[in-house]
PDB file of all heavy atoms in Angstrom:
ATOM      1  N   TYR A   1     -31.131  12.749 -24.882  1.00  0.00           N
ATOM      2  CA  TYR A   1     -32.149  11.712 -24.634  1.00  0.00           C
ATOM      3  C   TYR A   1     -32.214  10.727 -25.799  1.00  0.00           C
ATOM      4  O   TYR A   1     -32.191   9.514 -25.619  1.00  0.00           O
ATOM      5  CB  TYR A   1     -33.514  12.374 -24.418  1.00  0.00           C
ATOM      6  CG  TYR A   1     -34.663  11.405 -24.373  1.00  0.00           C
ATOM      7  CD1 TYR A   1     -34.940  10.692 -23.208  1.00  0.00           C
ATOM      8  CD2 TYR A   1     -35.466  11.191 -25.501  1.00  0.00           C
ATOM      9  CE1 TYR A   1     -35.998   9.781 -23.170  1.00  0.00           C
ATOM     10  CE2 TYR A   1     -36.516  10.290 -25.466  1.00  0.00           C
ATOM     11  CZ  TYR A   1     -36.777   9.592 -24.297  1.00  0.00           C
ATOM     12  OH  TYR A   1     -37.811   8.705 -24.263  1.00  0.00           O
ATOM     13  N   GLU A   2     -32.265  11.288 -27.037  1.00  0.00           N
ATOM     14  CA  GLU A   2     -32.385  10.421 -28.214  1.00  0.00           C
ATOM     15  C   GLU A   2     -31.144   9.557 -28.397  1.00  0.00           C
ATOM     16  O   GLU A   2     -31.238   8.391 -28.796  1.00  0.00           O
ATOM     17  CB  GLU A   2     -32.632  11.271 -29.461  1.00  0.00           C
ATOM     18  CG  GLU A   2     -34.018  11.901 -29.474  1.00  0.00           C
ATOM     19  CD  GLU A   2     -34.218  12.834 -30.651  1.00  0.00           C
ATOM     20  OE1 GLU A   2     -33.222  13.117 -31.362  1.00  0.00           O
ATOM     21  OE2 GLU A   2     -35.361  13.282 -30.861  1.00  0.00           O
ATOM     22  N   SER A   3     -29.969  10.099 -28.104  1.00  0.00           N
ATOM     23  CA  SER A   3     -28.727   9.337 -28.251  1.00  0.00           C
ATOM     24  C   SER A   3     -28.698   8.148 -27.310  1.00  0.00           C
ATOM     25  O   SER A   3     -28.318   7.042 -27.673  1.00  0.00           O
ATOM     26  CB  SER A   3     -27.515  10.236 -27.977  1.00  0.00           C
ATOM     27  OG  SER A   3     -27.390  11.218 -28.970  1.00  0.00           O
ATOM     28  N   LYS A   4     -29.117   8.380 -26.065  1.00  0.00           N
ATOM     29  CA  LYS A   4     -29.112   7.294 -25.083  1.00  0.00           C
ATOM     30  C   LYS A   4     -30.183   6.257 -25.394  1.00  0.00           C
ATOM     31  O   LYS A   4     -29.959   5.049 -25.255  1.00  0.00           O
ATOM     32  CB  LYS A   4     -29.315   7.871 -23.677  1.00  0.00           C
ATOM     33  CG  LYS A   4     -28.102   8.645 -23.189  1.00  0.00           C
ATOM     34  CD  LYS A   4     -28.364   9.346 -21.870  1.00  0.00           C
ATOM     35  CE  LYS A   4     -27.139  10.138 -21.430  1.00  0.00           C
ATOM     36  NZ  LYS A   4     -27.388  10.918 -20.204  1.00  0.00           N
ATOM     37  N   GLU A   5     -31.352   6.728 -25.832  1.00  0.00           N
ATOM     38  CA  GLU A   5     -32.429   5.809 -26.179  1.00  0.00           C
ATOM     39  C   GLU A   5     -32.020   4.896 -27.328  1.00  0.00           C
ATOM     40  O   GLU A   5     -32.320   3.710 -27.353  1.00  0.00           O
ATOM     41  CB  GLU A   5     -33.686   6.598 -26.588  1.00  0.00           C
ATOM     42  CG  GLU A   5     -34.522   7.072 -25.430  1.00  0.00           C
ATOM     43  CD  GLU A   5     -35.260   5.921 -24.770  1.00  0.00           C
ATOM     44  OE1 GLU A   5     -36.202   5.376 -25.382  1.00  0.00           O
ATOM     45  OE2 GLU A   5     -34.873   5.544 -23.648  1.00  0.00           O
ATOM     46  N   ASN A   6     -31.313   5.473 -28.310  1.00  0.00           N
ATOM     47  CA  ASN A   6     -30.930   4.716 -29.507  1.00  0.00           C
ATOM     48  C   ASN A   6     -29.529   4.124 -29.406  1.00  0.00           C
ATOM     49  O   ASN A   6     -29.016   3.583 -30.381  1.00  0.00           O
ATOM     50  CB  ASN A   6     -31.001   5.629 -30.745  1.00  0.00           C
ATOM     51  CG  ASN A   6     -32.397   6.157 -30.975  1.00  0.00           C
ATOM     52  OD1 ASN A   6     -33.372   5.428 -30.821  1.00  0.00           O
ATOM     53  ND2 ASN A   6     -32.502   7.435 -31.329  1.00  0.00           N
ATOM     54  N   GLU A   7     -28.913   4.254 -28.225  1.00  0.00           N
ATOM     55  CA  GLU A   7     -27.536   3.785 -28.001  1.00  0.00           C
ATOM     56  C   GLU A   7     -26.600   4.325 -29.085  1.00  0.00           C
ATOM     57  O   GLU A   7     -25.746   3.623 -29.619  1.00  0.00           O
ATOM     58  CB  GLU A   7     -27.489   2.251 -27.973  1.00  0.00           C
ATOM     59  CG  GLU A   7     -28.297   1.666 -26.824  1.00  0.00           C
ATOM     60  CD  GLU A   7     -28.210   0.158 -26.751  1.00  0.00           C
ATOM     61  OE1 GLU A   7     -27.736  -0.461 -27.720  1.00  0.00           O
ATOM     62  OE2 GLU A   7     -28.596  -0.401 -25.710  1.00  0.00           O
ATOM     63  N   ASN A   8     -26.788   5.599 -29.377  1.00  0.00           N
ATOM     64  CA  ASN A   8     -26.053   6.239 -30.471  1.00  0.00           C
ATOM     65  C   ASN A   8     -25.089   7.273 -29.893  1.00  0.00           C
ATOM     66  O   ASN A   8     -25.206   8.462 -30.115  1.00  0.00           O
ATOM     67  CB  ASN A   8     -27.053   6.909 -31.427  1.00  0.00           C
ATOM     68  CG  ASN A   8     -26.390   7.400 -32.692  1.00  0.00           C
ATOM     69  OD1 ASN A   8     -25.398   6.843 -33.122  1.00  0.00           O
ATOM     70  ND2 ASN A   8     -26.950   8.451 -33.273  1.00  0.00           N
ATOM     71  N   MET A   9     -24.119   6.796 -29.129  1.00  0.00           N
ATOM     72  CA  MET A   9     -23.227   7.693 -28.391  1.00  0.00           C
ATOM     73  C   MET A   9     -21.962   7.985 -29.184  1.00  0.00           C
ATOM     74  O   MET A   9     -21.516   7.185 -29.996  1.00  0.00           O
ATOM     75  CB  MET A   9     -22.852   7.060 -27.044  1.00  0.00           C
ATOM     76  CG  MET A   9     -24.056   6.637 -26.206  1.00  0.00           C
ATOM     77  SD  MET A   9     -25.162   7.989 -25.770  1.00  0.00           S
ATOM     78  CE  MET A   9     -24.141   8.834 -24.578  1.00  0.00           C
ATOM     79  N   HIS A  10     -21.373   9.162 -28.924  1.00  0.00           N
ATOM     80  CA  HIS A  10     -20.104   9.527 -29.557  1.00  0.00           C
ATOM     81  C   HIS A  10     -19.002   8.561 -29.113  1.00  0.00           C
ATOM     82  O   HIS A  10     -18.877   8.264 -27.929  1.00  0.00           O
ATOM     83  CB  HIS A  10     -19.680  10.943 -29.159  1.00  0.00           C
ATOM     84  CG  HIS A  10     -20.622  12.011 -29.643  1.00  0.00           C
ATOM     85  ND1 HIS A  10     -21.857  12.209 -29.094  1.00  0.00           N
ATOM     86  CD2 HIS A  10     -20.482  12.941 -30.618  1.00  0.00           C
ATOM     87  CE1 HIS A  10     -22.458  13.226 -29.709  1.00  0.00           C
ATOM     88  NE2 HIS A  10     -21.641  13.684 -30.640  1.00  0.00           N
ATOM     89  N   ASN A  11     -18.205   8.111 -30.066  1.00  0.00           N
ATOM     90  CA  ASN A  11     -17.101   7.219 -29.701  1.00  0.00           C
ATOM     91  C   ASN A  11     -15.823   7.557 -30.470  1.00  0.00           C
ATOM     92  O   ASN A  11     -15.005   6.695 -30.748  1.00  0.00           O
ATOM     93  CB  ASN A  11     -17.487   5.749 -29.942  1.00  0.00           C
ATOM     94  CG  ASN A  11     -17.744   5.459 -31.418  1.00  0.00           C
ATOM     95  OD1 ASN A  11     -17.860   6.377 -32.221  1.00  0.00           O
ATOM     96  ND2 ASN A  11     -17.841   4.180 -31.757  1.00  0.00           N
ATOM     97  N   THR A  12     -15.694   8.833 -30.844  1.00  0.00           N
ATOM     98  CA  THR A  12     -14.559   9.229 -31.685  1.00  0.00           C
ATOM     99  C   THR A  12     -13.357   9.747 -30.897  1.00  0.00           C
ATOM    100  O   THR A  12     -12.281   9.910 -31.463  1.00  0.00           O
ATOM    101  CB  THR A  12     -14.990  10.349 -32.661  1.00  0.00           C
ATOM    102  OG1 THR A  12     -15.451  11.479 -31.896  1.00  0.00           O
ATOM    103  CG2 THR A  12     -16.089   9.873 -33.584  1.00  0.00           C
ATOM    104  N   TYR A  13     -13.534  10.037 -29.603  1.00  0.00           N
ATOM    105  CA  TYR A  13     -12.490  10.757 -28.877  1.00  0.00           C
ATOM    106  C   TYR A  13     -11.156  10.002 -28.856  1.00  0.00           C
ATOM    107  O   TYR A  13     -10.107  10.557 -29.185  1.00  0.00           O
ATOM    108  CB  TYR A  13     -12.942  11.054 -27.441  1.00  0.00           C
ATOM    109  CG  TYR A  13     -11.909  11.820 -26.650  1.00  0.00           C
ATOM    110  CD1 TYR A  13     -11.704  13.181 -26.876  1.00  0.00           C
ATOM    111  CD2 TYR A  13     -11.118  11.177 -25.699  1.00  0.00           C
ATOM    112  CE1 TYR A  13     -10.740  13.884 -26.165  1.00  0.00           C
ATOM    113  CE2 TYR A  13     -10.161  11.876 -24.984  1.00  0.00           C
ATOM    114  CZ  TYR A  13      -9.980  13.229 -25.223  1.00  0.00           C
ATOM    115  OH  TYR A  13      -9.021  13.916 -24.525  1.00  0.00           O
ATOM    116  N   GLN A  14     -11.202   8.706 -28.462  1.00  0.00           N
ATOM    117  CA  GLN A  14      -9.952   7.949 -28.381  1.00  0.00           C
ATOM    118  C   GLN A  14      -9.295   7.801 -29.744  1.00  0.00           C
ATOM    119  O   GLN A  14      -8.074   7.931 -29.868  1.00  0.00           O
ATOM    120  CB  GLN A  14     -10.218   6.561 -27.770  1.00  0.00           C
ATOM    121  CG  GLN A  14     -10.443   6.602 -26.266  1.00  0.00           C
ATOM    122  CD  GLN A  14     -10.577   5.209 -25.679  1.00  0.00           C
ATOM    123  OE1 GLN A  14     -11.265   4.357 -26.237  1.00  0.00           O
ATOM    124  NE2 GLN A  14      -9.924   4.971 -24.559  1.00  0.00           N
ATOM    125  N   PHE A  15     -10.113   7.521 -30.762  1.00  0.00           N
ATOM    126  CA  PHE A  15      -9.584   7.425 -32.126  1.00  0.00           C
ATOM    127  C   PHE A  15      -8.926   8.738 -32.542  1.00  0.00           C
ATOM    128  O   PHE A  15      -7.818   8.759 -33.095  1.00  0.00           O
ATOM    129  CB  PHE A  15     -10.718   7.066 -33.094  1.00  0.00           C
ATOM    130  CG  PHE A  15     -10.320   7.101 -34.549  1.00  0.00           C
ATOM    131  CD1 PHE A  15      -9.566   6.079 -35.097  1.00  0.00           C
ATOM    132  CD2 PHE A  15     -10.699   8.160 -35.358  1.00  0.00           C
ATOM    133  CE1 PHE A  15      -9.192   6.106 -36.433  1.00  0.00           C
ATOM    134  CE2 PHE A  15     -10.327   8.207 -36.684  1.00  0.00           C
ATOM    135  CZ  PHE A  15      -9.576   7.176 -37.221  1.00  0.00           C
ATOM    136  N   GLU A  16      -9.605   9.835 -32.246  1.00  0.00           N
ATOM    137  CA  GLU A  16      -9.094  11.161 -32.591  1.00  0.00           C
ATOM    138  C   GLU A  16      -7.754  11.439 -31.913  1.00  0.00           C
ATOM    139  O   GLU A  16      -6.803  11.908 -32.550  1.00  0.00           O
ATOM    140  CB  GLU A  16     -10.137  12.198 -32.169  1.00  0.00           C
ATOM    141  CG  GLU A  16      -9.799  13.636 -32.486  1.00  0.00           C
ATOM    142  CD  GLU A  16     -10.889  14.543 -31.960  1.00  0.00           C
ATOM    143  OE1 GLU A  16     -11.980  14.583 -32.566  1.00  0.00           O
ATOM    144  OE2 GLU A  16     -10.660  15.186 -30.919  1.00  0.00           O
ATOM    145  N   GLN A  17      -7.665  11.128 -30.625  1.00  0.00           N
ATOM    146  CA  GLN A  17      -6.421  11.360 -29.892  1.00  0.00           C
ATOM    147  C   GLN A  17      -5.280  10.513 -30.435  1.00  0.00           C
ATOM    148  O   GLN A  17      -4.130  10.965 -30.508  1.00  0.00           O
ATOM    149  CB  GLN A  17      -6.626  11.059 -28.394  1.00  0.00           C
ATOM    150  CG  GLN A  17      -7.580  12.013 -27.692  1.00  0.00           C
ATOM    151  CD  GLN A  17      -7.168  13.467 -27.855  1.00  0.00           C
ATOM    152  OE1 GLN A  17      -6.069  13.857 -27.484  1.00  0.00           O
ATOM    153  NE2 GLN A  17      -8.047  14.273 -28.435  1.00  0.00           N
ATOM    154  N   LEU A  18      -5.598   9.280 -30.858  1.00  0.00           N
ATOM    155  CA  LEU A  18      -4.562   8.397 -31.403  1.00  0.00           C
ATOM    156  C   LEU A  18      -4.027   8.923 -32.726  1.00  0.00           C
ATOM    157  O   LEU A  18      -2.811   9.043 -32.921  1.00  0.00           O
ATOM    158  CB  LEU A  18      -5.128   6.982 -31.595  1.00  0.00           C
ATOM    159  CG  LEU A  18      -5.142   6.088 -30.359  1.00  0.00           C
ATOM    160  CD1 LEU A  18      -5.921   4.812 -30.635  1.00  0.00           C
ATOM    161  CD2 LEU A  18      -3.712   5.746 -29.934  1.00  0.00           C
ATOM    162  N   TYR A  19      -4.937   9.244 -33.670  1.00  0.00           N
ATOM    163  CA  TYR A  19      -4.433   9.670 -34.981  1.00  0.00           C
ATOM    164  C   TYR A  19      -3.725  11.022 -34.898  1.00  0.00           C
ATOM    165  O   TYR A  19      -2.755  11.278 -35.614  1.00  0.00           O
ATOM    166  CB  TYR A  19      -5.528   9.624 -36.055  1.00  0.00           C
ATOM    167  CG  TYR A  19      -6.494  10.782 -36.170  1.00  0.00           C
ATOM    168  CD1 TYR A  19      -6.089  12.040 -36.602  1.00  0.00           C
ATOM    169  CD2 TYR A  19      -7.857  10.603 -35.921  1.00  0.00           C
ATOM    170  CE1 TYR A  19      -6.982  13.080 -36.747  1.00  0.00           C
ATOM    171  CE2 TYR A  19      -8.762  11.640 -36.056  1.00  0.00           C
ATOM    172  CZ  TYR A  19      -8.315  12.880 -36.474  1.00  0.00           C
ATOM    173  OH  TYR A  19      -9.216  13.917 -36.612  1.00  0.00           O
ATOM    174  N   LEU A  20      -4.165  11.896 -33.994  1.00  0.00           N
ATOM    175  CA  LEU A  20      -3.467  13.183 -33.828  1.00  0.00           C
ATOM    176  C   LEU A  20      -2.063  12.976 -33.252  1.00  0.00           C
ATOM    177  O   LEU A  20      -1.118  13.667 -33.636  1.00  0.00           O
ATOM    178  CB  LEU A  20      -4.281  14.116 -32.931  1.00  0.00           C
ATOM    179  CG  LEU A  20      -5.602  14.650 -33.521  1.00  0.00           C
ATOM    180  CD1 LEU A  20      -6.352  15.483 -32.501  1.00  0.00           C
ATOM    181  CD2 LEU A  20      -5.348  15.447 -34.793  1.00  0.00           C
ATOM    182  N   SER A  21      -1.927  12.007 -32.342  1.00  0.00           N
ATOM    183  CA  SER A  21      -0.600  11.732 -31.771  1.00  0.00           C
ATOM    184  C   SER A  21       0.337  11.165 -32.836  1.00  0.00           C
ATOM    185  O   SER A  21       1.522  11.496 -32.874  1.00  0.00           O
ATOM    186  CB  SER A  21      -0.702  10.773 -30.582  1.00  0.00           C
ATOM    187  OG  SER A  21      -1.031   9.465 -31.002  1.00  0.00           O
ATOM    188  N   TYR A  22      -0.192  10.309 -33.725  1.00  0.00           N
ATOM    189  CA  TYR A  22       0.633   9.755 -34.807  1.00  0.00           C
ATOM    190  C   TYR A  22       1.055  10.848 -35.787  1.00  0.00           C
ATOM    191  O   TYR A  22       2.187  10.860 -36.280  1.00  0.00           O
ATOM    192  CB  TYR A  22      -0.130   8.654 -35.550  1.00  0.00           C
ATOM    193  CG  TYR A  22      -0.336   7.389 -34.744  1.00  0.00           C
ATOM    194  CD1 TYR A  22      -1.560   6.719 -34.765  1.00  0.00           C
ATOM    195  CD2 TYR A  22       0.681   6.863 -33.952  1.00  0.00           C
ATOM    196  CE1 TYR A  22      -1.759   5.563 -34.017  1.00  0.00           C
ATOM    197  CE2 TYR A  22       0.491   5.710 -33.200  1.00  0.00           C
ATOM    198  CZ  TYR A  22      -0.728   5.072 -33.233  1.00  0.00           C
ATOM    199  OH  TYR A  22      -0.921   3.927 -32.495  1.00  0.00           O
ATOM    200  N   ILE A  23       0.134  11.777 -36.076  1.00  0.00           N
ATOM    201  CA  ILE A  23       0.467  12.887 -36.982  1.00  0.00           C
ATOM    202  C   ILE A  23       1.534  13.769 -36.352  1.00  0.00           C
ATOM    203  O   ILE A  23       2.511  14.146 -37.000  1.00  0.00           O
ATOM    204  CB  ILE A  23      -0.805  13.700 -37.325  1.00  0.00           C
ATOM    205  CG1 ILE A  23      -1.734  12.866 -38.207  1.00  0.00           C
ATOM    206  CG2 ILE A  23      -0.432  15.016 -38.028  1.00  0.00           C
ATOM    207  CD1 ILE A  23      -3.118  13.445 -38.384  1.00  0.00           C
ATOM    208  N   GLU A  24       1.353  14.101 -35.079  1.00  0.00           N
ATOM    209  CA  GLU A  24       2.326  14.958 -34.386  1.00  0.00           C
ATOM    210  C   GLU A  24       3.720  14.320 -34.361  1.00  0.00           C
ATOM    211  O   GLU A  24       4.737  15.019 -34.484  1.00  0.00           O
ATOM    212  CB  GLU A  24       1.847  15.226 -32.960  1.00  0.00           C
ATOM    213  CG  GLU A  24       2.737  16.185 -32.191  1.00  0.00           C
ATOM    214  CD  GLU A  24       2.235  16.422 -30.775  1.00  0.00           C
ATOM    215  OE1 GLU A  24       1.020  16.287 -30.524  1.00  0.00           O
ATOM    216  OE2 GLU A  24       3.082  16.739 -29.909  1.00  0.00           O
ATOM    217  N   LYS A  25       3.779  13.002 -34.222  1.00  0.00           N
ATOM    218  CA  LYS A  25       5.070  12.299 -34.172  1.00  0.00           C
ATOM    219  C   LYS A  25       5.591  11.941 -35.564  1.00  0.00           C
ATOM    220  O   LYS A  25       6.719  11.469 -35.696  1.00  0.00           O
ATOM    221  CB  LYS A  25       4.947  11.027 -33.335  1.00  0.00           C
ATOM    222  CG  LYS A  25       4.711  11.283 -31.843  1.00  0.00           C
ATOM    223  CD  LYS A  25       4.665   9.997 -31.048  1.00  0.00           C
ATOM    224  CE  LYS A  25       3.400   9.229 -31.287  1.00  0.00           C
ATOM    225  NZ  LYS A  25       3.233   8.073 -30.370  1.00  0.00           N
ATOM    226  N   GLY A  26       4.752  12.142 -36.602  1.00  0.00           N
ATOM    227  CA  GLY A  26       5.154  11.738 -37.943  1.00  0.00           C
ATOM    228  C   GLY A  26       5.246  10.225 -38.075  1.00  0.00           C
ATOM    229  O   GLY A  26       6.044   9.703 -38.855  1.00  0.00           O
ATOM    230  N   ASP A  27       4.397   9.504 -37.330  1.00  0.00           N
ATOM    231  CA  ASP A  27       4.454   8.038 -37.262  1.00  0.00           C
ATOM    232  C   ASP A  27       3.536   7.429 -38.328  1.00  0.00           C
ATOM    233  O   ASP A  27       2.353   7.158 -38.082  1.00  0.00           O
ATOM    234  CB  ASP A  27       4.035   7.577 -35.864  1.00  0.00           C
ATOM    235  CG  ASP A  27       4.191   6.080 -35.657  1.00  0.00           C
ATOM    236  OD1 ASP A  27       4.445   5.361 -36.636  1.00  0.00           O
ATOM    237  OD2 ASP A  27       4.052   5.629 -34.499  1.00  0.00           O
ATOM    238  N   LEU A  28       4.076   7.178 -39.513  1.00  0.00           N
ATOM    239  CA  LEU A  28       3.289   6.637 -40.615  1.00  0.00           C
ATOM    240  C   LEU A  28       2.828   5.209 -40.336  1.00  0.00           C
ATOM    241  O   LEU A  28       1.696   4.839 -40.674  1.00  0.00           O
ATOM    242  CB  LEU A  28       4.105   6.676 -41.911  1.00  0.00           C
ATOM    243  CG  LEU A  28       4.236   8.065 -42.564  1.00  0.00           C
ATOM    244  CD1 LEU A  28       5.359   8.066 -43.582  1.00  0.00           C
ATOM    245  CD2 LEU A  28       2.929   8.470 -43.222  1.00  0.00           C
ATOM    246  N   ASN A  29       3.692   4.397 -39.724  1.00  0.00           N
ATOM    247  CA  ASN A  29       3.319   3.007 -39.423  1.00  0.00           C
ATOM    248  C   ASN A  29       2.157   2.939 -38.442  1.00  0.00           C
ATOM    249  O   ASN A  29       1.209   2.173 -38.623  1.00  0.00           O
ATOM    250  CB  ASN A  29       4.519   2.242 -38.858  1.00  0.00           C
ATOM    251  CG  ASN A  29       5.583   1.985 -39.906  1.00  0.00           C
ATOM    252  OD1 ASN A  29       5.273   1.880 -41.095  1.00  0.00           O
ATOM    253  ND2 ASN A  29       6.833   1.889 -39.484  1.00  0.00           N
ATOM    254  N   GLY A  30       2.240   3.762 -37.383  1.00  0.00           N
ATOM    255  CA  GLY A  30       1.163   3.793 -36.391  1.00  0.00           C
ATOM    256  C   GLY A  30      -0.153   4.234 -37.008  1.00  0.00           C
ATOM    257  O   GLY A  30      -1.211   3.650 -36.743  1.00  0.00           O
TER     258      GLY A  30
END
């Protein structure tokens, strides 16, 4: 309730998936 009221929603999932994919591939540039 408090998160929605304050528009304080989690937004880390896509970022997390991206950096984990770069680590798994050893992609330093990405």
